[in-house]
C-alpha atoms as a PDB file:
ATOM      1  CA  GLY A   1      98.792 164.599 103.959  1.00  0.00           C
ATOM      2  CA  LYS A   2      98.960 166.525 107.088  1.00  0.00           C
ATOM      3  CA  CYS A   3     101.336 163.851 108.520  1.00  0.00           C
ATOM      4  CA  GLY A   4     104.187 164.226 105.938  1.00  0.00           C
ATOM      5  CA  ALA A   5     104.037 168.014 105.958  1.00  0.00           C
ATOM      6  CA  PRO A   6     105.382 169.180 109.502  1.00  0.00           C
ATOM      7  CA  TRP A   7     106.160 172.563 108.152  1.00  0.00           C
ATOM      8  CA  THR A   8     102.642 173.577 107.602  1.00  0.00           C
ATOM      9  CA  ASN A   9     100.953 175.737 110.133  1.00  0.00           C
ATOM     10  CA  SER A  10      98.474 173.191 111.512  1.00  0.00           C
ATOM     11  CA  SER A  11      97.688 171.877 114.778  1.00  0.00           C
ATOM     12  CA  TRP A  12      98.110 168.279 113.616  1.00  0.00           C
ATOM     13  CA  LYS A  13     101.738 167.210 114.473  1.00  0.00           C
ATOM     14  CA  PRO A  14     103.480 164.331 113.035  1.00  0.00           C
ATOM     15  CA  GLU A  15     103.990 162.546 116.109  1.00  0.00           C
ATOM     16  CA  SER A  16     100.210 162.221 116.443  1.00  0.00           C
ATOM     17  CA  CYS A  17     100.090 160.036 113.287  1.00  0.00           C
ATOM     18  CA  SER A  18     101.426 157.176 115.295  1.00  0.00           C
ATOM     19  CA  ASP A  19      98.229 157.235 117.324  1.00  0.00           C
ATOM     20  CA  PHE A  20      96.384 155.923 114.420  1.00  0.00           C
ATOM     21  CA  ARG A  21      98.723 152.982 113.583  1.00  0.00           C
ATOM     22  CA  TRP A  22      96.206 150.632 115.170  1.00  0.00           C
ATOM     23  CA  LEU A  23      93.776 151.847 112.474  1.00  0.00           C
ATOM     24  CA  HIS A  24      96.306 150.845 109.616  1.00  0.00           C
ATOM     25  CA  ASP A  25      96.680 147.396 111.298  1.00  0.00           C
ATOM     26  CA  ILE A  26      93.067 146.720 111.425  1.00  0.00           C
ATOM     27  CA  LEU A  27      92.641 147.832 107.727  1.00  0.00           C
ATOM     28  CA  SER A  28      95.516 145.770 106.636  1.00  0.00           C
ATOM     29  CA  ILE A  29      93.594 142.504 108.052  1.00  0.00           C
ATOM     30  CA  LEU A  30      90.547 143.223 105.871  1.00  0.00           C
ATOM     31  CA  GLY A  31      92.330 142.067 102.500  1.00  0.00           C
ATOM     32  CA  LYS A  32      93.304 138.800 104.451  1.00  0.00           C
ATOM     33  CA  PHE A  33      89.479 138.140 105.304  1.00  0.00           C
ATOM     34  CA  GLY A  34      88.623 138.688 101.679  1.00  0.00           C
ATOM     35  CA  ALA A  35      91.241 136.224 100.583  1.00  0.00           C
ATOM     36  CA  VAL A  36      89.824 133.775 102.824  1.00  0.00           C
ATOM     37  CA  PHE A  37      86.270 134.300 101.734  1.00  0.00           C
ATOM     38  CA  ALA A  38      87.330 133.893  98.046  1.00  0.00           C
ATOM     39  CA  SER A  39      89.145 130.606  98.834  1.00  0.00           C
ATOM     40  CA  ILE A  40      85.733 128.930  99.809  1.00  0.00           C
ATOM     41  CA  PRO A  41      84.756 126.443  97.271  1.00  0.00           C
ATOM     42  CA  PHE A  42      81.374 127.280  95.450  1.00  0.00           C
ATOM     43  CA  PRO A  43      79.395 124.337  96.522  1.00  0.00           C
ATOM     44  CA  ILE A  44      80.026 125.174 100.433  1.00  0.00           C
ATOM     45  CA  PHE A  45      79.310 128.786  99.610  1.00  0.00           C
ATOM     46  CA  ALA A  46      76.197 127.790  97.880  1.00  0.00           C
ATOM     47  CA  ALA A  47      75.131 125.679 100.882  1.00  0.00           C
ATOM     48  CA  LEU A  48      75.842 128.580 103.397  1.00  0.00           C
ATOM     49  CA  TYR A  49      73.883 130.719 101.310  1.00  0.00           C
ATOM     50  CA  CYS A  50      70.814 128.626 101.398  1.00  0.00           C
ATOM     51  CA  VAL A  51      71.096 127.990 105.056  1.00  0.00           C
ATOM     52  CA  LEU A  52      71.528 131.701 105.889  1.00  0.00           C
ATOM     53  CA  PHE A  53      68.716 132.595 103.592  1.00  0.00           C
ATOM     54  CA  GLY A  54      66.384 130.435 105.277  1.00  0.00           C
ATOM     55  CA  LEU A  55      67.540 131.618 108.586  1.00  0.00           C
ATOM     56  CA  VAL A  56      66.754 135.184 107.759  1.00  0.00           C
ATOM     57  CA  GLY A  57      63.426 134.327 106.339  1.00  0.00           C
ATOM     58  CA  SER A  58      62.503 132.457 109.414  1.00  0.00           C
ATOM     59  CA  VAL A  59      63.662 135.308 111.751  1.00  0.00           C
ATOM     60  CA  GLY A  60      61.865 137.782 109.580  1.00  0.00           C
ATOM     61  CA  LEU A  61      58.560 135.742 109.764  1.00  0.00           C
ATOM     62  CA  SER A  62      59.112 135.042 113.629  1.00  0.00           C
ATOM     63  CA  PHE A  63      58.746 138.917 113.937  1.00  0.00           C
ATOM     64  CA  LEU A  64      55.186 138.449 112.944  1.00  0.00           C
ATOM     65  CA  GLN A  65      54.411 137.045 116.284  1.00  0.00           C
ATOM     66  CA  PHE A  66      54.510 140.615 117.886  1.00  0.00           C
ATOM     67  CA  THR A  67      51.969 141.906 115.354  1.00  0.00           C
ATOM     68  CA  ASN A  68      48.243 142.045 115.807  1.00  0.00           C
ATOM     69  CA  MET A  69      46.967 139.872 113.130  1.00  0.00           C
ATOM     70  CA  ASN A  70      43.457 140.778 114.223  1.00  0.00           C
ATOM     71  CA  SER A  71      43.917 144.135 112.616  1.00  0.00           C
ATOM     72  CA  MET A  72      42.881 144.327 108.984  1.00  0.00           C
ATOM     73  CA  ARG A  73      45.795 146.936 108.364  1.00  0.00           C
ATOM     74  CA  ASN A  74      48.451 144.365 109.444  1.00  0.00           C
ATOM     75  CA  LEU A  75      46.851 141.544 107.480  1.00  0.00           C
ATOM     76  CA  PHE A  76      46.657 143.658 104.238  1.00  0.00           C
ATOM     77  CA  ILE A  77      50.400 144.818 104.780  1.00  0.00           C
ATOM     78  CA  THR A  78      51.581 141.102 105.380  1.00  0.00           C
ATOM     79  CA  GLY A  79      49.556 139.696 102.755  1.00  0.00           C
ATOM     80  CA  LEU A  80      50.436 142.272 100.161  1.00  0.00           C
ATOM     81  CA  SER A  81      53.991 142.275 100.821  1.00  0.00           C
ATOM     82  CA  LEU A  82      54.070 138.389 100.589  1.00  0.00           C
ATOM     83  CA  PHE A  83      52.092 138.261  97.443  1.00  0.00           C
ATOM     84  CA  LEU A  84      54.131 140.950  95.741  1.00  0.00           C
ATOM     85  CA  GLY A  85      57.416 139.435  96.843  1.00  0.00           C
ATOM     86  CA  ILE A  86      56.442 136.170  95.322  1.00  0.00           C
ATOM     87  CA  SER A  87      54.698 137.181  92.240  1.00  0.00           C
ATOM     88  CA  ILE A  88      56.735 140.078  90.882  1.00  0.00           C
ATOM     89  CA  PRO A  89      59.754 137.993  90.146  1.00  0.00           C
ATOM     90  CA  GLN A  90      57.638 135.431  88.647  1.00  0.00           C
ATOM     91  CA  PHE A  91      56.312 137.932  86.371  1.00  0.00           C
ATOM     92  CA  PHE A  92      59.463 139.335  85.062  1.00  0.00           C
ATOM     93  CA  ASP A  93      60.760 135.597  84.731  1.00  0.00           C
ATOM     94  CA  GLU A  94      58.016 135.071  82.330  1.00  0.00           C
ATOM     95  CA  TYR A  95      57.620 138.221  80.387  1.00  0.00           C
ATOM     96  CA  TRP A  96      60.878 140.204  80.518  1.00  0.00           C
ATOM     97  CA  VAL A  97      62.929 138.121  77.793  1.00  0.00           C
ATOM     98  CA  LEU A  98      65.638 139.773  76.555  1.00  0.00           C
ATOM     99  CA  PRO A  99      65.051 138.909  72.664  1.00  0.00           C
ATOM    100  CA  ARG A 100      61.744 140.419  72.973  1.00  0.00           C
ATOM    101  CA  ARG A 101      63.050 143.706  74.586  1.00  0.00           C
ATOM    102  CA  GLY A 102      60.558 144.187  77.286  1.00  0.00           C
ATOM    103  CA  LEU A 103      57.104 143.935  78.137  1.00  0.00           C
ATOM    104  CA  VAL A 104      55.508 145.269  75.000  1.00  0.00           C
ATOM    105  CA  HIS A 105      57.491 142.973  72.670  1.00  0.00           C
ATOM    106  CA  THR A 106      59.034 145.515  70.421  1.00  0.00           C
ATOM    107  CA  ASN A 107      62.453 145.626  68.383  1.00  0.00           C
ATOM    108  CA  ALA A 108      62.721 149.148  70.182  1.00  0.00           C
ATOM    109  CA  GLY A 109      65.902 149.296  72.232  1.00  0.00           C
ATOM    110  CA  TRP A 110      67.610 152.133  74.350  1.00  0.00           C
END
């Protein structure tokens, strides 16, 4: 890179590479955070996932208090998003089975 080639005709000087040493220090810590997350046992991770999923859902629903639910447009958007969010995963759980190869139940594959 530019730091290892001081003989190039560039305005970037090798001395200025030490200015970004803090960035290297910060990026080297990221791997350590990954190791800490990887060492968390699965039941604790699953419990945290359930709690945080519920928290995100409740915060999302709490934003509905700021909407005008007397408006038919807002009721339609909220109802349709809740309906599709619940029914589409259920539909694919029932009808998209791998041995049947899709919705039409043919033996054709990609």
